[in-house]
Amino acid sequence: DLLLVYVPAQGKSRWTFHANDLGLIFWNKHTNLYKADSSIHFEGIELSDFNNDGDAFLFEFNIDTLLKRTGTSSEVVAQSTALPARFALTYSRILTERWLAGGGVAYRPSIDRLPLFYVQPVYAFAQWFNAGVLLSYGGTAEFQLGVMGRFTLNNRYRIQVGSGNVLGVFLPGQSTSTSLFLQASVSF
């Protein structure tokens, strides 16, 4: 990971550049690599009663049976895998004593359809508690709405909780997912 931060002389704004997950994973020669036709379609199995022995056929499947029935091949081979690198440029500015505004762009070249653009206003309810919303567009989804709360204890310990996308809870047919995060940090 790489983090560069620039704070202009007046100290009310900040530019940040992040580069995360730069690198490769090297798998040794004892690694199993499985390949299958990606056009397999499965609609599910209907069970009427778990306690009935008539449904016991489900538990007769093992990994070899599943691999054979799905046409999956396996080979033992050494390989390397590139991590899905992420690059981000963010800007934040203190607007008033209680308001902080931020925004930026993030991009994962191997995954994202288009860059993720976002804005994030944060309000300081008290010296020890801030809350904010995150409105974003792009990345692997389209519109996302997140919320977060940040607690600061003794100006040293920080706990942040929230969600990158709560639209999945309120509009399940319109949004792709929900997410939760918990972050803890200590300043020295």
N, C-alpha and C. Protein backbone atom coordinates (compact mmCIF):
# COMPACT_ATOMS: atom_id res chain seq x y z
N ASP A 1 0.84 -1.18 0.00
CA ASP A 1 0.00 0.00 0.00
C ASP A 1 0.88 1.24 0.00
N LEU A 2 0.34 2.31 -0.56
CA LEU A 2 1.03 3.58 -0.63
C LEU A 2 0.03 4.67 -0.27
N LEU A 3 0.45 5.61 0.59
CA LEU A 3 -0.40 6.73 0.99
C LEU A 3 0.43 8.00 0.94
N LEU A 4 -0.04 8.98 0.17
CA LEU A 4 0.60 10.29 0.11
C LEU A 4 -0.44 11.33 0.51
N VAL A 5 -0.07 12.25 1.40
CA VAL A 5 -0.98 13.28 1.88
C VAL A 5 -0.31 14.64 1.71
N TYR A 6 -1.06 15.59 1.16
CA TYR A 6 -0.59 16.97 1.03
C TYR A 6 -1.57 17.88 1.76
N VAL A 7 -1.06 18.66 2.71
CA VAL A 7 -1.88 19.61 3.45
C VAL A 7 -1.32 21.00 3.16
N PRO A 8 -2.07 21.86 2.45
CA PRO A 8 -1.60 23.22 2.17
C PRO A 8 -1.36 24.02 3.45
N ALA A 9 -0.65 25.13 3.33
CA ALA A 9 -0.21 25.92 4.48
C ALA A 9 -1.35 26.35 5.41
N GLN A 10 -2.53 26.71 4.87
CA GLN A 10 -3.60 27.17 5.73
C GLN A 10 -4.19 26.04 6.57
N GLY A 11 -3.98 24.79 6.21
CA GLY A 11 -4.39 23.64 7.01
C GLY A 11 -5.87 23.32 7.00
N LYS A 12 -6.67 23.97 6.16
CA LYS A 12 -8.10 23.69 6.13
C LYS A 12 -8.49 22.65 5.08
N SER A 13 -7.56 22.26 4.25
CA SER A 13 -7.86 21.27 3.22
C SER A 13 -6.76 20.21 3.17
N ARG A 14 -7.08 19.12 2.49
CA ARG A 14 -6.14 18.00 2.41
C ARG A 14 -6.37 17.23 1.12
N TRP A 15 -5.28 16.93 0.43
CA TRP A 15 -5.30 16.04 -0.74
C TRP A 15 -4.67 14.72 -0.32
N THR A 16 -5.29 13.62 -0.70
CA THR A 16 -4.76 12.30 -0.35
C THR A 16 -4.77 11.41 -1.58
N PHE A 17 -3.66 10.70 -1.79
CA PHE A 17 -3.57 9.70 -2.86
C PHE A 17 -3.32 8.35 -2.21
N HIS A 18 -4.14 7.36 -2.54
CA HIS A 18 -3.99 6.00 -2.03
C HIS A 18 -3.71 5.05 -3.19
N ALA A 19 -2.82 4.11 -2.99
CA ALA A 19 -2.65 2.98 -3.90
C ALA A 19 -2.67 1.75 -3.00
N ASN A 20 -3.70 0.93 -3.13
CA ASN A 20 -3.87 -0.23 -2.26
C ASN A 20 -3.77 -1.53 -3.05
N ASP A 21 -3.33 -2.56 -2.36
CA ASP A 21 -3.26 -3.92 -2.92
C ASP A 21 -2.41 -3.99 -4.18
N LEU A 22 -1.26 -3.35 -4.14
CA LEU A 22 -0.31 -3.47 -5.25
C LEU A 22 0.51 -4.73 -5.01
N GLY A 23 0.51 -5.65 -5.96
CA GLY A 23 1.34 -6.83 -5.79
C GLY A 23 0.75 -8.08 -6.40
N LEU A 24 1.41 -9.18 -6.09
CA LEU A 24 1.05 -10.48 -6.63
C LEU A 24 0.98 -11.51 -5.51
N ILE A 25 0.21 -12.55 -5.74
CA ILE A 25 0.21 -13.73 -4.88
C ILE A 25 0.86 -14.85 -5.68
N PHE A 26 1.88 -15.48 -5.12
CA PHE A 26 2.54 -16.59 -5.79
C PHE A 26 2.11 -17.89 -5.12
N TRP A 27 1.49 -18.78 -5.89
CA TRP A 27 1.01 -20.06 -5.40
C TRP A 27 2.07 -21.11 -5.72
N ASN A 28 2.32 -22.03 -4.78
CA ASN A 28 3.38 -23.03 -5.01
C ASN A 28 2.91 -24.14 -5.94
N LYS A 29 3.79 -25.10 -6.24
CA LYS A 29 3.50 -26.15 -7.21
C LYS A 29 2.49 -27.18 -6.71
N HIS A 30 2.03 -27.07 -5.50
CA HIS A 30 1.04 -28.01 -4.94
C HIS A 30 -0.36 -27.40 -4.93
N THR A 31 -0.61 -26.37 -5.72
CA THR A 31 -1.88 -25.66 -5.75
C THR A 31 -2.84 -26.33 -6.73
N ASN A 32 -4.07 -26.58 -6.28
CA ASN A 32 -5.10 -27.13 -7.16
C ASN A 32 -5.78 -25.99 -7.91
N LEU A 33 -5.82 -26.10 -9.23
CA LEU A 33 -6.46 -25.12 -10.08
C LEU A 33 -7.67 -25.79 -10.73
N TYR A 34 -8.87 -25.27 -10.47
CA TYR A 34 -10.10 -25.86 -11.00
C TYR A 34 -10.63 -25.00 -12.13
N LYS A 35 -11.07 -25.63 -13.22
CA LYS A 35 -11.64 -24.93 -14.36
C LYS A 35 -12.97 -25.57 -14.71
N ALA A 36 -13.95 -24.73 -15.06
CA ALA A 36 -15.27 -25.26 -15.42
C ALA A 36 -15.89 -24.36 -16.48
N ASP A 37 -16.84 -24.91 -17.21
CA ASP A 37 -17.61 -24.15 -18.19
C ASP A 37 -18.49 -23.17 -17.41
N SER A 38 -18.42 -21.90 -17.73
CA SER A 38 -19.16 -20.90 -16.97
C SER A 38 -20.63 -20.80 -17.37
N SER A 39 -21.09 -21.65 -18.28
CA SER A 39 -22.48 -21.56 -18.70
C SER A 39 -23.39 -22.52 -17.94
N ILE A 40 -22.93 -23.07 -16.82
CA ILE A 40 -23.75 -23.97 -16.01
C ILE A 40 -24.90 -23.19 -15.40
N HIS A 41 -26.11 -23.75 -15.43
CA HIS A 41 -27.30 -23.11 -14.90
C HIS A 41 -27.90 -24.01 -13.81
N PHE A 42 -28.17 -23.44 -12.65
CA PHE A 42 -28.73 -24.20 -11.54
C PHE A 42 -29.85 -23.39 -10.93
N GLU A 43 -31.03 -23.98 -10.79
CA GLU A 43 -32.18 -23.27 -10.23
C GLU A 43 -32.48 -23.66 -8.81
N GLY A 44 -31.87 -24.71 -8.29
CA GLY A 44 -32.08 -25.07 -6.90
C GLY A 44 -32.74 -26.42 -6.74
N ILE A 45 -32.88 -26.84 -5.50
CA ILE A 45 -33.49 -28.11 -5.15
C ILE A 45 -34.60 -27.81 -4.15
N GLU A 46 -35.74 -28.40 -4.33
CA GLU A 46 -36.85 -28.18 -3.42
C GLU A 46 -36.86 -29.29 -2.37
N LEU A 47 -36.86 -28.90 -1.11
CA LEU A 47 -36.92 -29.85 0.00
C LEU A 47 -38.25 -29.66 0.71
N SER A 48 -38.91 -30.77 0.97
CA SER A 48 -40.19 -30.66 1.66
C SER A 48 -40.04 -30.87 3.17
N ASP A 49 -39.08 -31.70 3.59
CA ASP A 49 -38.93 -32.00 5.01
C ASP A 49 -37.51 -32.49 5.27
N PHE A 50 -36.74 -31.74 6.04
CA PHE A 50 -35.37 -32.15 6.36
C PHE A 50 -35.32 -33.42 7.20
N ASN A 51 -36.36 -33.67 7.97
CA ASN A 51 -36.37 -34.83 8.86
C ASN A 51 -36.77 -36.12 8.15
N ASN A 52 -37.26 -36.02 6.94
CA ASN A 52 -37.70 -37.18 6.18
C ASN A 52 -36.50 -37.82 5.48
N ASP A 53 -36.34 -39.15 5.61
CA ASP A 53 -35.22 -39.84 4.96
C ASP A 53 -35.32 -39.81 3.45
N GLY A 54 -36.46 -39.46 2.90
CA GLY A 54 -36.62 -39.40 1.46
C GLY A 54 -35.76 -38.30 0.83
N ASP A 55 -35.38 -37.29 1.61
CA ASP A 55 -34.53 -36.22 1.11
C ASP A 55 -33.05 -36.49 1.39
N ALA A 56 -32.70 -37.67 1.83
CA ALA A 56 -31.32 -37.99 2.19
C ALA A 56 -30.38 -38.01 0.98
N PHE A 57 -30.92 -38.08 -0.25
CA PHE A 57 -30.06 -38.09 -1.43
C PHE A 57 -29.18 -36.84 -1.50
N LEU A 58 -29.60 -35.75 -0.89
CA LEU A 58 -28.82 -34.52 -0.91
C LEU A 58 -27.46 -34.71 -0.27
N PHE A 59 -27.42 -35.49 0.78
CA PHE A 59 -26.19 -35.63 1.54
C PHE A 59 -25.28 -36.72 0.99
N GLU A 60 -25.66 -37.34 -0.15
CA GLU A 60 -24.81 -38.33 -0.79
C GLU A 60 -23.75 -37.67 -1.67
N PHE A 61 -23.90 -36.38 -1.95
CA PHE A 61 -22.94 -35.68 -2.79
C PHE A 61 -21.67 -35.38 -2.00
N ASN A 62 -20.53 -35.56 -2.64
CA ASN A 62 -19.27 -35.12 -2.08
C ASN A 62 -18.56 -34.26 -3.12
N ILE A 63 -17.40 -33.77 -2.82
CA ILE A 63 -16.72 -32.86 -3.73
C ILE A 63 -16.39 -33.52 -5.07
N ASP A 64 -16.01 -34.79 -5.05
CA ASP A 64 -15.70 -35.48 -6.31
C ASP A 64 -16.93 -35.58 -7.21
N THR A 65 -18.08 -35.90 -6.62
CA THR A 65 -19.32 -36.00 -7.39
C THR A 65 -19.69 -34.65 -7.99
N LEU A 66 -19.60 -33.60 -7.21
CA LEU A 66 -19.94 -32.27 -7.72
C LEU A 66 -19.00 -31.85 -8.85
N LEU A 67 -17.71 -32.11 -8.71
CA LEU A 67 -16.76 -31.76 -9.76
C LEU A 67 -17.05 -32.53 -11.04
N LYS A 68 -17.37 -33.81 -10.90
CA LYS A 68 -17.65 -34.65 -12.07
C LYS A 68 -18.94 -34.19 -12.77
N ARG A 69 -20.00 -33.95 -12.01
CA ARG A 69 -21.29 -33.59 -12.59
C ARG A 69 -21.32 -32.19 -13.21
N THR A 70 -20.41 -31.32 -12.78
CA THR A 70 -20.37 -29.97 -13.35
C THR A 70 -19.33 -29.84 -14.45
N GLY A 71 -18.63 -30.92 -14.75
CA GLY A 71 -17.64 -30.88 -15.82
C GLY A 71 -16.40 -30.09 -15.46
N THR A 72 -16.08 -30.04 -14.18
CA THR A 72 -14.93 -29.28 -13.72
C THR A 72 -13.66 -30.12 -13.83
N SER A 73 -12.61 -29.50 -14.37
CA SER A 73 -11.32 -30.20 -14.44
C SER A 73 -10.40 -29.61 -13.37
N SER A 74 -9.40 -30.39 -12.98
CA SER A 74 -8.48 -29.98 -11.93
C SER A 74 -7.06 -30.31 -12.36
N GLU A 75 -6.14 -29.38 -12.05
CA GLU A 75 -4.72 -29.67 -12.26
C GLU A 75 -3.94 -29.06 -11.11
N VAL A 76 -2.80 -29.68 -10.80
CA VAL A 76 -1.92 -29.18 -9.74
C VAL A 76 -0.78 -28.44 -10.43
N VAL A 77 -0.68 -27.13 -10.15
CA VAL A 77 0.26 -26.31 -10.88
C VAL A 77 0.63 -25.07 -10.06
N ALA A 78 1.86 -24.56 -10.23
CA ALA A 78 2.27 -23.29 -9.63
C ALA A 78 1.72 -22.15 -10.50
N GLN A 79 1.31 -21.07 -9.87
CA GLN A 79 0.78 -19.94 -10.63
C GLN A 79 0.94 -18.66 -9.82
N SER A 80 0.70 -17.53 -10.46
CA SER A 80 0.70 -16.25 -9.76
C SER A 80 -0.60 -15.52 -10.08
N THR A 81 -1.06 -14.72 -9.14
CA THR A 81 -2.30 -13.98 -9.28
C THR A 81 -2.04 -12.53 -8.91
N ALA A 82 -2.45 -11.61 -9.77
CA ALA A 82 -2.32 -10.18 -9.46
C ALA A 82 -3.44 -9.76 -8.51
N LEU A 83 -3.10 -9.00 -7.49
CA LEU A 83 -4.12 -8.46 -6.59
C LEU A 83 -4.92 -7.38 -7.33
N PRO A 84 -6.19 -7.19 -6.98
CA PRO A 84 -7.00 -6.15 -7.63
C PRO A 84 -6.63 -4.77 -7.08
N ALA A 85 -5.60 -4.15 -7.63
CA ALA A 85 -5.10 -2.86 -7.15
C ALA A 85 -6.19 -1.79 -7.21
N ARG A 86 -6.13 -0.86 -6.26
CA ARG A 86 -7.10 0.23 -6.19
C ARG A 86 -6.34 1.54 -6.04
N PHE A 87 -6.72 2.54 -6.82
CA PHE A 87 -6.11 3.86 -6.77
C PHE A 87 -7.19 4.88 -6.43
N ALA A 88 -6.86 5.82 -5.55
CA ALA A 88 -7.86 6.81 -5.15
C ALA A 88 -7.21 8.17 -4.93
N LEU A 89 -7.92 9.21 -5.31
CA LEU A 89 -7.52 10.58 -5.06
C LEU A 89 -8.68 11.26 -4.35
N THR A 90 -8.43 11.81 -3.16
CA THR A 90 -9.50 12.43 -2.39
C THR A 90 -9.12 13.85 -1.99
N TYR A 91 -10.13 14.66 -1.78
CA TYR A 91 -9.95 16.04 -1.32
C TYR A 91 -10.94 16.27 -0.19
N SER A 92 -10.48 16.85 0.89
CA SER A 92 -11.39 17.21 1.98
C SER A 92 -11.07 18.63 2.44
N ARG A 93 -12.11 19.31 2.94
CA ARG A 93 -11.94 20.71 3.36
C ARG A 93 -12.86 20.99 4.55
N ILE A 94 -12.31 21.70 5.53
CA ILE A 94 -13.10 22.17 6.66
C ILE A 94 -13.86 23.40 6.19
N LEU A 95 -15.18 23.33 6.21
CA LEU A 95 -16.01 24.44 5.74
C LEU A 95 -16.34 25.42 6.86
N THR A 96 -16.77 24.88 7.99
CA THR A 96 -17.06 25.69 9.18
C THR A 96 -16.54 24.92 10.38
N GLU A 97 -16.84 25.43 11.56
CA GLU A 97 -16.39 24.75 12.77
C GLU A 97 -16.99 23.34 12.89
N ARG A 98 -18.17 23.14 12.33
CA ARG A 98 -18.85 21.83 12.45
C ARG A 98 -18.94 21.04 11.15
N TRP A 99 -18.74 21.66 10.00
CA TRP A 99 -18.91 20.98 8.73
C TRP A 99 -17.58 20.69 8.05
N LEU A 100 -17.46 19.45 7.57
CA LEU A 100 -16.33 19.01 6.76
C LEU A 100 -16.90 18.40 5.48
N ALA A 101 -16.34 18.76 4.33
CA ALA A 101 -16.80 18.20 3.07
C ALA A 101 -15.64 17.48 2.40
N GLY A 102 -15.96 16.38 1.76
CA GLY A 102 -14.93 15.62 1.06
C GLY A 102 -15.49 15.05 -0.22
N GLY A 103 -14.60 14.64 -1.07
CA GLY A 103 -15.00 14.02 -2.32
C GLY A 103 -13.78 13.39 -2.98
N GLY A 104 -14.03 12.60 -3.98
CA GLY A 104 -12.90 11.99 -4.65
C GLY A 104 -13.31 11.03 -5.73
N VAL A 105 -12.29 10.35 -6.23
CA VAL A 105 -12.46 9.36 -7.27
C VAL A 105 -11.57 8.16 -6.92
N ALA A 106 -12.10 6.95 -7.12
CA ALA A 106 -11.34 5.72 -6.88
C ALA A 106 -11.55 4.79 -8.06
N TYR A 107 -10.53 3.98 -8.35
CA TYR A 107 -10.63 3.09 -9.52
C TYR A 107 -9.82 1.82 -9.28
N ARG A 108 -10.44 0.68 -9.57
CA ARG A 108 -9.77 -0.62 -9.58
C ARG A 108 -9.78 -1.11 -11.03
N PRO A 109 -8.67 -0.96 -11.76
CA PRO A 109 -8.67 -1.24 -13.20
C PRO A 109 -9.14 -2.65 -13.58
N SER A 110 -8.86 -3.63 -12.76
CA SER A 110 -9.23 -4.99 -13.14
C SER A 110 -10.68 -5.35 -12.81
N ILE A 111 -11.38 -4.51 -12.05
CA ILE A 111 -12.72 -4.86 -11.58
C ILE A 111 -13.79 -3.85 -11.99
N ASP A 112 -13.52 -2.57 -11.78
CA ASP A 112 -14.54 -1.54 -11.95
C ASP A 112 -14.91 -1.31 -13.41
N ARG A 113 -16.20 -1.15 -13.65
CA ARG A 113 -16.67 -0.79 -14.99
C ARG A 113 -16.29 0.64 -15.33
N LEU A 114 -16.38 1.52 -14.36
CA LEU A 114 -15.97 2.91 -14.51
C LEU A 114 -15.50 3.40 -13.15
N PRO A 115 -14.77 4.51 -13.08
CA PRO A 115 -14.30 5.00 -11.78
C PRO A 115 -15.46 5.31 -10.84
N LEU A 116 -15.20 5.21 -9.55
CA LEU A 116 -16.17 5.53 -8.51
C LEU A 116 -15.97 6.99 -8.10
N PHE A 117 -16.99 7.81 -8.26
CA PHE A 117 -16.97 9.21 -7.85
C PHE A 117 -17.83 9.36 -6.61
N TYR A 118 -17.36 10.14 -5.63
CA TYR A 118 -18.17 10.27 -4.42
C TYR A 118 -18.01 11.64 -3.78
N VAL A 119 -19.02 12.01 -2.99
CA VAL A 119 -18.99 13.19 -2.12
C VAL A 119 -19.41 12.73 -0.73
N GLN A 120 -18.82 13.39 0.30
CA GLN A 120 -19.11 12.98 1.67
C GLN A 120 -19.11 14.18 2.60
N PRO A 121 -20.28 14.74 2.91
CA PRO A 121 -20.35 15.77 3.95
C PRO A 121 -20.38 15.11 5.33
N VAL A 122 -19.67 15.73 6.28
CA VAL A 122 -19.60 15.22 7.66
C VAL A 122 -19.93 16.37 8.61
N TYR A 123 -20.75 16.09 9.62
CA TYR A 123 -21.14 17.09 10.60
C TYR A 123 -20.64 16.68 11.97
N ALA A 124 -20.02 17.62 12.71
CA ALA A 124 -19.53 17.36 14.06
C ALA A 124 -20.62 17.73 15.06
N PHE A 125 -21.32 16.72 15.59
CA PHE A 125 -22.37 16.96 16.58
C PHE A 125 -21.76 17.36 17.92
N ALA A 126 -20.60 16.81 18.21
CA ALA A 126 -19.85 17.13 19.43
C ALA A 126 -18.37 16.91 19.12
N GLN A 127 -17.50 17.32 20.01
CA GLN A 127 -16.08 17.13 19.78
C GLN A 127 -15.72 15.66 19.66
N TRP A 128 -16.49 14.80 20.28
CA TRP A 128 -16.18 13.37 20.28
C TRP A 128 -17.02 12.56 19.29
N PHE A 129 -18.00 13.19 18.58
CA PHE A 129 -18.85 12.43 17.66
C PHE A 129 -19.12 13.20 16.36
N ASN A 130 -18.81 12.56 15.23
CA ASN A 130 -19.11 13.07 13.89
C ASN A 130 -19.98 12.05 13.17
N ALA A 131 -20.83 12.54 12.28
CA ALA A 131 -21.64 11.64 11.44
C ALA A 131 -21.67 12.21 10.03
N GLY A 132 -21.79 11.31 9.07
CA GLY A 132 -21.81 11.77 7.69
C GLY A 132 -22.53 10.81 6.77
N VAL A 133 -22.72 11.26 5.55
CA VAL A 133 -23.31 10.43 4.50
C VAL A 133 -22.31 10.36 3.35
N LEU A 134 -22.43 9.32 2.57
CA LEU A 134 -21.56 9.12 1.41
C LEU A 134 -22.44 8.83 0.21
N LEU A 135 -22.39 9.70 -0.78
CA LEU A 135 -23.15 9.51 -2.00
C LEU A 135 -22.14 9.24 -3.11
N SER A 136 -22.31 8.10 -3.80
CA SER A 136 -21.33 7.72 -4.82
C SER A 136 -22.01 7.15 -6.05
N TYR A 137 -21.25 7.17 -7.14
CA TYR A 137 -21.69 6.61 -8.40
C TYR A 137 -20.48 5.99 -9.09
N GLY A 138 -20.66 4.78 -9.61
CA GLY A 138 -19.60 4.13 -10.36
C GLY A 138 -19.07 2.90 -9.67
N GLY A 139 -17.86 2.51 -10.05
CA GLY A 139 -17.27 1.30 -9.51
C GLY A 139 -17.95 0.07 -10.07
N THR A 140 -18.25 -0.88 -9.22
CA THR A 140 -18.95 -2.09 -9.65
C THR A 140 -20.46 -1.95 -9.54
N ALA A 141 -20.93 -0.83 -8.99
CA ALA A 141 -22.37 -0.59 -8.85
C ALA A 141 -22.70 0.73 -9.54
N GLU A 142 -23.91 1.19 -9.32
CA GLU A 142 -24.26 2.51 -9.84
C GLU A 142 -24.36 3.46 -8.66
N PHE A 143 -25.57 3.95 -8.33
CA PHE A 143 -25.71 4.86 -7.20
C PHE A 143 -25.64 4.09 -5.89
N GLN A 144 -24.94 4.67 -4.92
CA GLN A 144 -24.86 4.10 -3.59
C GLN A 144 -25.00 5.23 -2.58
N LEU A 145 -25.63 4.91 -1.45
CA LEU A 145 -25.78 5.87 -0.35
C LEU A 145 -25.27 5.21 0.91
N GLY A 146 -24.27 5.79 1.53
CA GLY A 146 -23.71 5.24 2.75
C GLY A 146 -23.87 6.19 3.92
N VAL A 147 -23.72 5.66 5.12
CA VAL A 147 -23.75 6.45 6.35
C VAL A 147 -22.60 6.02 7.23
N MET A 148 -22.14 6.94 8.09
CA MET A 148 -21.07 6.58 9.01
C MET A 148 -21.15 7.44 10.26
N GLY A 149 -20.61 6.90 11.34
CA GLY A 149 -20.47 7.62 12.59
C GLY A 149 -19.06 7.41 13.11
N ARG A 150 -18.45 8.46 13.65
CA ARG A 150 -17.07 8.38 14.15
C ARG A 150 -17.03 8.89 15.58
N PHE A 151 -16.51 8.06 16.47
CA PHE A 151 -16.37 8.40 17.88
C PHE A 151 -14.88 8.60 18.17
N THR A 152 -14.54 9.69 18.87
CA THR A 152 -13.16 9.96 19.24
C THR A 152 -13.09 10.03 20.76
N LEU A 153 -12.16 9.28 21.35
CA LEU A 153 -12.00 9.23 22.79
C LEU A 153 -10.61 9.75 23.16
N ASN A 154 -10.54 10.71 24.06
CA ASN A 154 -9.28 11.28 24.55
C ASN A 154 -8.39 11.81 23.42
N ASN A 155 -8.96 12.26 22.33
CA ASN A 155 -8.22 12.74 21.16
C ASN A 155 -7.16 11.75 20.68
N ARG A 156 -7.31 10.49 21.04
CA ARG A 156 -6.30 9.49 20.68
C ARG A 156 -6.91 8.26 20.03
N TYR A 157 -8.05 7.80 20.52
CA TYR A 157 -8.69 6.59 20.02
C TYR A 157 -9.85 6.98 19.11
N ARG A 158 -9.96 6.31 17.99
CA ARG A 158 -11.04 6.62 17.04
C ARG A 158 -11.72 5.32 16.62
N ILE A 159 -13.04 5.31 16.69
CA ILE A 159 -13.84 4.17 16.24
C ILE A 159 -14.83 4.70 15.20
N GLN A 160 -14.85 4.07 14.05
CA GLN A 160 -15.75 4.49 12.98
C GLN A 160 -16.59 3.29 12.56
N VAL A 161 -17.89 3.48 12.47
CA VAL A 161 -18.82 2.44 12.04
C VAL A 161 -19.71 3.00 10.95
N GLY A 162 -20.17 2.13 10.06
CA GLY A 162 -21.06 2.61 9.02
C GLY A 162 -21.32 1.58 7.95
N SER A 163 -21.86 2.08 6.86
CA SER A 163 -22.19 1.25 5.72
C SER A 163 -21.85 2.01 4.45
N GLY A 164 -21.26 1.32 3.49
CA GLY A 164 -20.97 1.94 2.21
C GLY A 164 -22.19 2.03 1.32
N ASN A 165 -23.23 1.24 1.62
CA ASN A 165 -24.44 1.27 0.80
C ASN A 165 -25.63 0.77 1.61
N VAL A 166 -26.46 1.68 2.07
CA VAL A 166 -27.68 1.30 2.80
C VAL A 166 -28.89 1.21 1.88
N LEU A 167 -28.73 1.56 0.60
CA LEU A 167 -29.86 1.48 -0.32
C LEU A 167 -30.38 0.05 -0.46
N GLY A 168 -29.51 -0.94 -0.29
CA GLY A 168 -29.93 -2.33 -0.36
C GLY A 168 -30.95 -2.69 0.71
N VAL A 169 -30.93 -1.98 1.82
CA VAL A 169 -31.91 -2.22 2.89
C VAL A 169 -33.24 -1.57 2.55
N PHE A 170 -33.20 -0.32 2.05
CA PHE A 170 -34.43 0.43 1.79
C PHE A 170 -35.01 0.17 0.41
N LEU A 171 -34.19 -0.13 -0.57
CA LEU A 171 -34.64 -0.40 -1.95
C LEU A 171 -34.00 -1.70 -2.45
N PRO A 172 -34.37 -2.85 -1.90
CA PRO A 172 -33.68 -4.09 -2.25
C PRO A 172 -33.77 -4.46 -3.73
N GLY A 173 -34.80 -4.06 -4.42
CA GLY A 173 -34.91 -4.38 -5.84
C GLY A 173 -34.11 -3.45 -6.73
N GLN A 174 -33.65 -2.33 -6.19
CA GLN A 174 -32.96 -1.32 -6.99
C GLN A 174 -31.46 -1.27 -6.74
N SER A 175 -31.00 -1.79 -5.62
CA SER A 175 -29.59 -1.69 -5.27
C SER A 175 -28.95 -3.06 -5.23
N THR A 176 -27.66 -3.10 -5.46
CA THR A 176 -26.97 -4.38 -5.60
C THR A 176 -26.53 -5.01 -4.30
N SER A 177 -26.29 -4.23 -3.26
CA SER A 177 -25.75 -4.83 -2.04
C SER A 177 -25.89 -3.89 -0.86
N THR A 178 -25.56 -4.42 0.29
CA THR A 178 -25.38 -3.61 1.49
C THR A 178 -23.99 -3.93 2.01
N SER A 179 -23.45 -3.08 2.84
CA SER A 179 -22.15 -3.35 3.42
C SER A 179 -22.08 -2.69 4.78
N LEU A 180 -21.25 -3.24 5.63
CA LEU A 180 -21.00 -2.69 6.95
C LEU A 180 -19.50 -2.63 7.18
N PHE A 181 -19.04 -1.65 7.95
CA PHE A 181 -17.62 -1.62 8.29
C PHE A 181 -17.44 -1.13 9.71
N LEU A 182 -16.34 -1.54 10.30
CA LEU A 182 -15.93 -1.12 11.63
C LEU A 182 -14.44 -0.86 11.56
N GLN A 183 -14.02 0.34 11.95
CA GLN A 183 -12.61 0.71 11.90
C GLN A 183 -12.21 1.26 13.26
N ALA A 184 -11.07 0.83 13.77
CA ALA A 184 -10.55 1.35 15.02
C ALA A 184 -9.11 1.80 14.79
N SER A 185 -8.74 2.93 15.39
CA SER A 185 -7.37 3.43 15.23
C SER A 185 -6.92 4.13 16.49
N VAL A 186 -5.60 4.19 16.66
CA VAL A 186 -4.97 4.85 17.79
C VAL A 186 -3.92 5.80 17.26
N SER A 187 -3.90 7.02 17.77
CA SER A 187 -2.88 8.00 17.37
C SER A 187 -1.77 8.02 18.41
N PHE A 188 -0.54 8.08 17.94
CA PHE A 188 0.62 8.12 18.84
C PHE A 188 1.26 9.48 18.80
